[in-house]
C-alpha cells in the first residue's frame, strides 16, 4: 500500500512539472489602451487589445519575441513592445 501511494504521488508530481503554464503580460500602450499577451505555448499567443482578441503565431526574430497574424504584429523586447494593428503603430511598456 505504501509503495503504491509513493508511486502515485511521484507520478503526479512529475506530471504537474510537465504541464505548460500560460505566461500573461500586460502592456500600457501610447494609445492609452492595455495590450495583454498570453503565451499559450512556444509557438502561439493570444493578444487582447481594445475589446478584440487576436490569435498570433510566433515568428523568428533576431532580437526579442515577435508574434504576428495577417493584421497584427506584436514585438516585445525586455519591458517594451511595438504593436501594429491595421497599419497603426503603438509603443507599449510592461506594467
N, C-alpha and C. Protein backbone atom coordinates (compact mmCIF):
# COMPACT_ATOMS: atom_id res chain seq x y z
N UNK A 1 0.82 -1.19 0.00
CA UNK A 1 0.00 0.00 0.00
C UNK A 1 0.87 1.26 0.00
N UNK A 2 1.89 1.26 0.86
CA UNK A 2 2.77 2.42 0.95
C UNK A 2 3.50 2.66 -0.37
N UNK A 3 3.97 1.57 -1.02
CA UNK A 3 4.68 1.70 -2.30
C UNK A 3 3.76 2.26 -3.38
N UNK A 4 2.51 1.81 -3.40
CA UNK A 4 1.56 2.30 -4.40
C UNK A 4 1.28 3.79 -4.20
N UNK A 5 1.14 4.21 -2.96
CA UNK A 5 0.90 5.62 -2.66
C UNK A 5 2.12 6.46 -3.05
N UNK A 6 3.30 5.97 -2.75
CA UNK A 6 4.53 6.68 -3.09
C UNK A 6 4.67 6.80 -4.61
N UNK A 7 4.38 5.73 -5.33
CA UNK A 7 4.46 5.74 -6.79
C UNK A 7 3.45 6.72 -7.38
N UNK A 8 2.23 6.71 -6.88
CA UNK A 8 1.18 7.62 -7.37
C UNK A 8 1.56 9.07 -7.11
N UNK A 9 2.07 9.36 -5.92
CA UNK A 9 2.49 10.71 -5.59
C UNK A 9 3.63 11.17 -6.48
N UNK A 10 4.61 10.31 -6.71
CA UNK A 10 5.73 10.65 -7.58
C UNK A 10 5.27 10.93 -9.00
N UNK A 11 4.33 10.11 -9.49
CA UNK A 11 3.80 10.30 -10.83
C UNK A 11 3.07 11.63 -10.96
N UNK A 12 2.26 11.98 -9.97
CA UNK A 12 1.53 13.25 -10.01
C UNK A 12 2.47 14.44 -9.97
N UNK A 13 3.51 14.37 -9.18
CA UNK A 13 4.49 15.45 -9.12
C UNK A 13 5.20 15.61 -10.46
N UNK A 14 5.57 14.51 -11.07
CA UNK A 14 6.23 14.54 -12.37
C UNK A 14 5.32 15.13 -13.43
N UNK A 15 4.06 14.71 -13.46
CA UNK A 15 3.12 15.22 -14.45
C UNK A 15 2.83 16.70 -14.26
N UNK A 16 2.74 17.15 -13.02
CA UNK A 16 2.46 18.57 -12.79
C UNK A 16 3.64 19.43 -13.22
N UNK A 17 4.84 18.92 -13.14
CA UNK A 17 6.02 19.66 -13.58
C UNK A 17 6.06 19.78 -15.10
N UNK A 18 5.43 18.85 -15.80
CA UNK A 18 5.44 18.83 -17.26
C UNK A 18 4.38 19.73 -17.88
N UNK A 19 3.41 20.15 -17.12
CA UNK A 19 2.33 20.95 -17.70
C UNK A 19 2.85 22.34 -18.03
N UNK A 20 2.42 22.85 -19.16
CA UNK A 20 2.81 24.18 -19.63
C UNK A 20 1.92 25.22 -18.97
N UNK A 21 2.51 26.20 -18.34
CA UNK A 21 1.74 27.26 -17.73
C UNK A 21 1.68 28.44 -18.69
N UNK A 22 0.54 29.11 -18.71
CA UNK A 22 0.40 30.29 -19.54
C UNK A 22 1.20 31.43 -18.91
N UNK A 23 1.81 32.23 -19.75
CA UNK A 23 2.53 33.41 -19.31
C UNK A 23 1.74 34.62 -19.79
N UNK A 24 1.29 35.47 -18.88
CA UNK A 24 0.45 36.61 -19.21
C UNK A 24 1.19 37.90 -18.86
N UNK A 25 1.34 38.79 -19.85
CA UNK A 25 1.95 40.10 -19.63
C UNK A 25 1.00 41.18 -20.13
N UNK A 26 0.89 42.27 -19.37
CA UNK A 26 0.04 43.39 -19.76
C UNK A 26 0.91 44.61 -19.99
N UNK A 27 0.71 45.24 -21.13
CA UNK A 27 1.45 46.43 -21.54
C UNK A 27 0.48 47.61 -21.64
N UNK A 28 0.95 48.80 -21.27
CA UNK A 28 0.19 50.02 -21.50
C UNK A 28 0.77 50.69 -22.74
N UNK A 29 -0.09 50.95 -23.71
CA UNK A 29 0.36 51.49 -24.99
C UNK A 29 0.11 52.99 -25.06
N UNK A 30 0.81 53.67 -25.97
CA UNK A 30 0.63 55.11 -26.10
C UNK A 30 -0.75 55.49 -26.62
N UNK A 31 -1.55 54.49 -26.99
CA UNK A 31 -2.95 54.72 -27.35
C UNK A 31 -3.82 54.84 -26.10
N UNK A 32 -3.18 54.71 -24.92
CA UNK A 32 -3.85 54.73 -23.61
C UNK A 32 -4.67 53.47 -23.35
N UNK A 33 -4.49 52.46 -24.19
CA UNK A 33 -5.17 51.18 -24.00
C UNK A 33 -4.15 50.14 -23.57
N UNK A 34 -4.64 49.09 -22.91
CA UNK A 34 -3.78 47.99 -22.49
C UNK A 34 -3.76 46.90 -23.56
N UNK A 35 -2.60 46.30 -23.71
CA UNK A 35 -2.44 45.14 -24.58
C UNK A 35 -1.99 43.99 -23.69
N UNK A 36 -2.78 42.93 -23.64
CA UNK A 36 -2.45 41.77 -22.82
C UNK A 36 -2.10 40.61 -23.74
N UNK A 37 -0.89 40.09 -23.57
CA UNK A 37 -0.42 38.97 -24.40
C UNK A 37 -0.34 37.74 -23.51
N UNK A 38 -0.96 36.66 -23.96
CA UNK A 38 -0.96 35.39 -23.24
C UNK A 38 -0.25 34.37 -24.10
N UNK A 39 0.92 33.93 -23.64
CA UNK A 39 1.67 32.91 -24.37
C UNK A 39 1.07 31.56 -24.01
N UNK A 40 0.45 30.91 -25.01
CA UNK A 40 -0.20 29.63 -24.77
C UNK A 40 0.79 28.48 -24.84
N UNK A 41 1.80 28.63 -25.67
CA UNK A 41 2.87 27.64 -25.80
C UNK A 41 4.05 28.34 -26.46
N UNK A 42 5.04 27.60 -26.91
CA UNK A 42 6.23 28.19 -27.52
C UNK A 42 5.95 28.84 -28.87
N UNK A 43 4.86 28.45 -29.53
CA UNK A 43 4.63 28.88 -30.91
C UNK A 43 3.45 29.83 -31.11
N UNK A 44 2.61 30.03 -30.10
CA UNK A 44 1.42 30.86 -30.32
C UNK A 44 1.10 31.69 -29.07
N UNK A 45 0.31 32.74 -29.31
CA UNK A 45 -0.12 33.61 -28.22
C UNK A 45 -1.45 34.25 -28.59
N UNK A 46 -2.14 34.74 -27.58
CA UNK A 46 -3.38 35.48 -27.77
C UNK A 46 -3.15 36.91 -27.30
N UNK A 47 -3.53 37.87 -28.13
CA UNK A 47 -3.43 39.28 -27.79
C UNK A 47 -4.84 39.83 -27.57
N UNK A 48 -5.06 40.43 -26.40
CA UNK A 48 -6.31 41.13 -26.11
C UNK A 48 -6.01 42.62 -26.17
N UNK A 49 -6.70 43.33 -27.08
CA UNK A 49 -6.46 44.75 -27.25
C UNK A 49 -7.73 45.42 -27.75
N UNK A 50 -8.15 46.49 -27.08
CA UNK A 50 -9.30 47.29 -27.49
C UNK A 50 -10.55 46.43 -27.71
N UNK A 51 -10.82 45.56 -26.75
CA UNK A 51 -12.00 44.69 -26.75
C UNK A 51 -12.02 43.67 -27.90
N UNK A 52 -10.85 43.41 -28.48
CA UNK A 52 -10.72 42.39 -29.52
C UNK A 52 -9.66 41.38 -29.09
N UNK A 53 -9.80 40.18 -29.59
CA UNK A 53 -8.84 39.12 -29.29
C UNK A 53 -8.25 38.63 -30.61
N UNK A 54 -6.92 38.53 -30.64
CA UNK A 54 -6.20 38.14 -31.85
C UNK A 54 -5.36 36.90 -31.57
N UNK A 55 -5.43 35.91 -32.43
CA UNK A 55 -4.59 34.72 -32.33
C UNK A 55 -3.32 34.99 -33.15
N UNK A 56 -2.17 34.86 -32.50
CA UNK A 56 -0.90 35.19 -33.15
C UNK A 56 0.03 33.99 -33.16
N UNK A 57 0.91 33.97 -34.15
CA UNK A 57 1.91 32.91 -34.30
C UNK A 57 3.29 33.52 -34.09
N UNK A 58 4.14 32.84 -33.34
CA UNK A 58 5.49 33.33 -33.09
C UNK A 58 6.31 33.25 -34.38
N UNK A 59 7.07 34.32 -34.62
CA UNK A 59 7.92 34.41 -35.80
C UNK A 59 9.38 34.46 -35.36
N UNK A 60 10.25 34.06 -36.26
CA UNK A 60 11.68 34.14 -35.99
C UNK A 60 12.07 35.61 -35.85
N UNK A 61 12.91 35.90 -34.86
CA UNK A 61 13.32 37.27 -34.59
C UNK A 61 14.78 37.28 -34.15
N UNK A 62 15.54 38.24 -34.66
CA UNK A 62 16.94 38.36 -34.25
C UNK A 62 17.05 38.85 -32.81
N UNK A 63 16.03 39.57 -32.36
CA UNK A 63 16.04 40.13 -31.02
C UNK A 63 14.62 40.24 -30.50
N UNK A 64 14.40 39.87 -29.26
CA UNK A 64 13.06 39.93 -28.67
C UNK A 64 12.18 38.78 -29.12
N UNK A 65 10.88 38.92 -28.88
CA UNK A 65 9.90 37.90 -29.24
C UNK A 65 8.85 38.57 -30.11
N UNK A 66 8.60 37.99 -31.28
CA UNK A 66 7.68 38.60 -32.25
C UNK A 66 6.56 37.63 -32.58
N UNK A 67 5.31 38.15 -32.51
CA UNK A 67 4.12 37.39 -32.88
C UNK A 67 3.37 38.16 -33.96
N UNK A 68 2.80 37.44 -34.92
CA UNK A 68 2.05 38.10 -35.99
C UNK A 68 0.85 37.27 -36.42
N UNK A 69 -0.05 37.95 -37.12
CA UNK A 69 -1.06 37.32 -37.96
C UNK A 69 -1.23 38.24 -39.17
N UNK A 70 -2.29 38.10 -39.94
CA UNK A 70 -2.45 38.90 -41.15
C UNK A 70 -2.52 40.40 -40.88
N UNK A 71 -3.08 40.81 -39.74
CA UNK A 71 -3.32 42.23 -39.47
C UNK A 71 -2.57 42.79 -38.27
N UNK A 72 -1.87 41.93 -37.54
CA UNK A 72 -1.28 42.35 -36.26
C UNK A 72 0.18 41.92 -36.18
N UNK A 73 1.01 42.81 -35.63
CA UNK A 73 2.38 42.47 -35.25
C UNK A 73 2.54 42.93 -33.80
N UNK A 74 3.02 42.04 -32.94
CA UNK A 74 3.30 42.38 -31.55
C UNK A 74 4.71 41.89 -31.26
N UNK A 75 5.62 42.83 -30.99
CA UNK A 75 7.03 42.51 -30.86
C UNK A 75 7.53 43.05 -29.53
N UNK A 76 7.98 42.16 -28.65
CA UNK A 76 8.46 42.57 -27.33
C UNK A 76 9.96 42.40 -27.23
N UNK A 77 10.56 43.29 -26.46
CA UNK A 77 11.97 43.16 -26.09
C UNK A 77 12.12 43.79 -24.72
N UNK A 78 12.42 42.97 -23.74
CA UNK A 78 12.52 43.46 -22.37
C UNK A 78 11.18 43.95 -21.87
N UNK A 79 11.13 45.20 -21.43
CA UNK A 79 9.89 45.76 -20.88
C UNK A 79 9.14 46.63 -21.88
N UNK A 80 9.56 46.58 -23.14
CA UNK A 80 8.91 47.39 -24.18
C UNK A 80 8.34 46.50 -25.27
N UNK A 81 7.36 47.05 -25.98
CA UNK A 81 6.76 46.32 -27.09
C UNK A 81 6.34 47.30 -28.17
N UNK A 82 6.28 46.79 -29.38
CA UNK A 82 5.72 47.54 -30.50
C UNK A 82 4.50 46.77 -30.97
N UNK A 83 3.40 47.48 -31.13
CA UNK A 83 2.15 46.88 -31.60
C UNK A 83 1.74 47.59 -32.88
N UNK A 84 1.51 46.82 -33.93
CA UNK A 84 1.00 47.37 -35.18
C UNK A 84 -0.28 46.61 -35.51
N UNK A 85 -1.39 47.36 -35.58
CA UNK A 85 -2.69 46.77 -35.93
C UNK A 85 -3.24 47.57 -37.11
N UNK A 86 -3.52 46.87 -38.19
CA UNK A 86 -4.08 47.50 -39.40
C UNK A 86 -3.30 48.74 -39.81
N UNK A 87 -1.97 48.67 -39.71
CA UNK A 87 -1.12 49.78 -40.13
C UNK A 87 -0.90 50.86 -39.09
N UNK A 88 -1.58 50.81 -37.96
CA UNK A 88 -1.40 51.79 -36.88
C UNK A 88 -0.36 51.26 -35.89
N UNK A 89 0.67 52.07 -35.62
CA UNK A 89 1.79 51.64 -34.79
C UNK A 89 1.70 52.28 -33.40
N UNK A 90 1.91 51.44 -32.36
CA UNK A 90 1.86 51.90 -30.97
C UNK A 90 3.10 51.41 -30.22
N UNK A 91 3.60 52.26 -29.34
CA UNK A 91 4.68 51.88 -28.43
C UNK A 91 4.04 51.50 -27.11
N UNK A 92 4.49 50.39 -26.52
CA UNK A 92 3.89 49.89 -25.27
C UNK A 92 4.97 49.60 -24.24
N UNK A 93 4.62 49.75 -22.97
CA UNK A 93 5.52 49.45 -21.85
C UNK A 93 4.86 48.45 -20.92
N UNK A 94 5.67 47.50 -20.43
CA UNK A 94 5.19 46.49 -19.50
C UNK A 94 4.73 47.17 -18.21
N UNK A 95 3.58 46.77 -17.71
CA UNK A 95 3.05 47.35 -16.46
C UNK A 95 3.79 46.78 -15.28
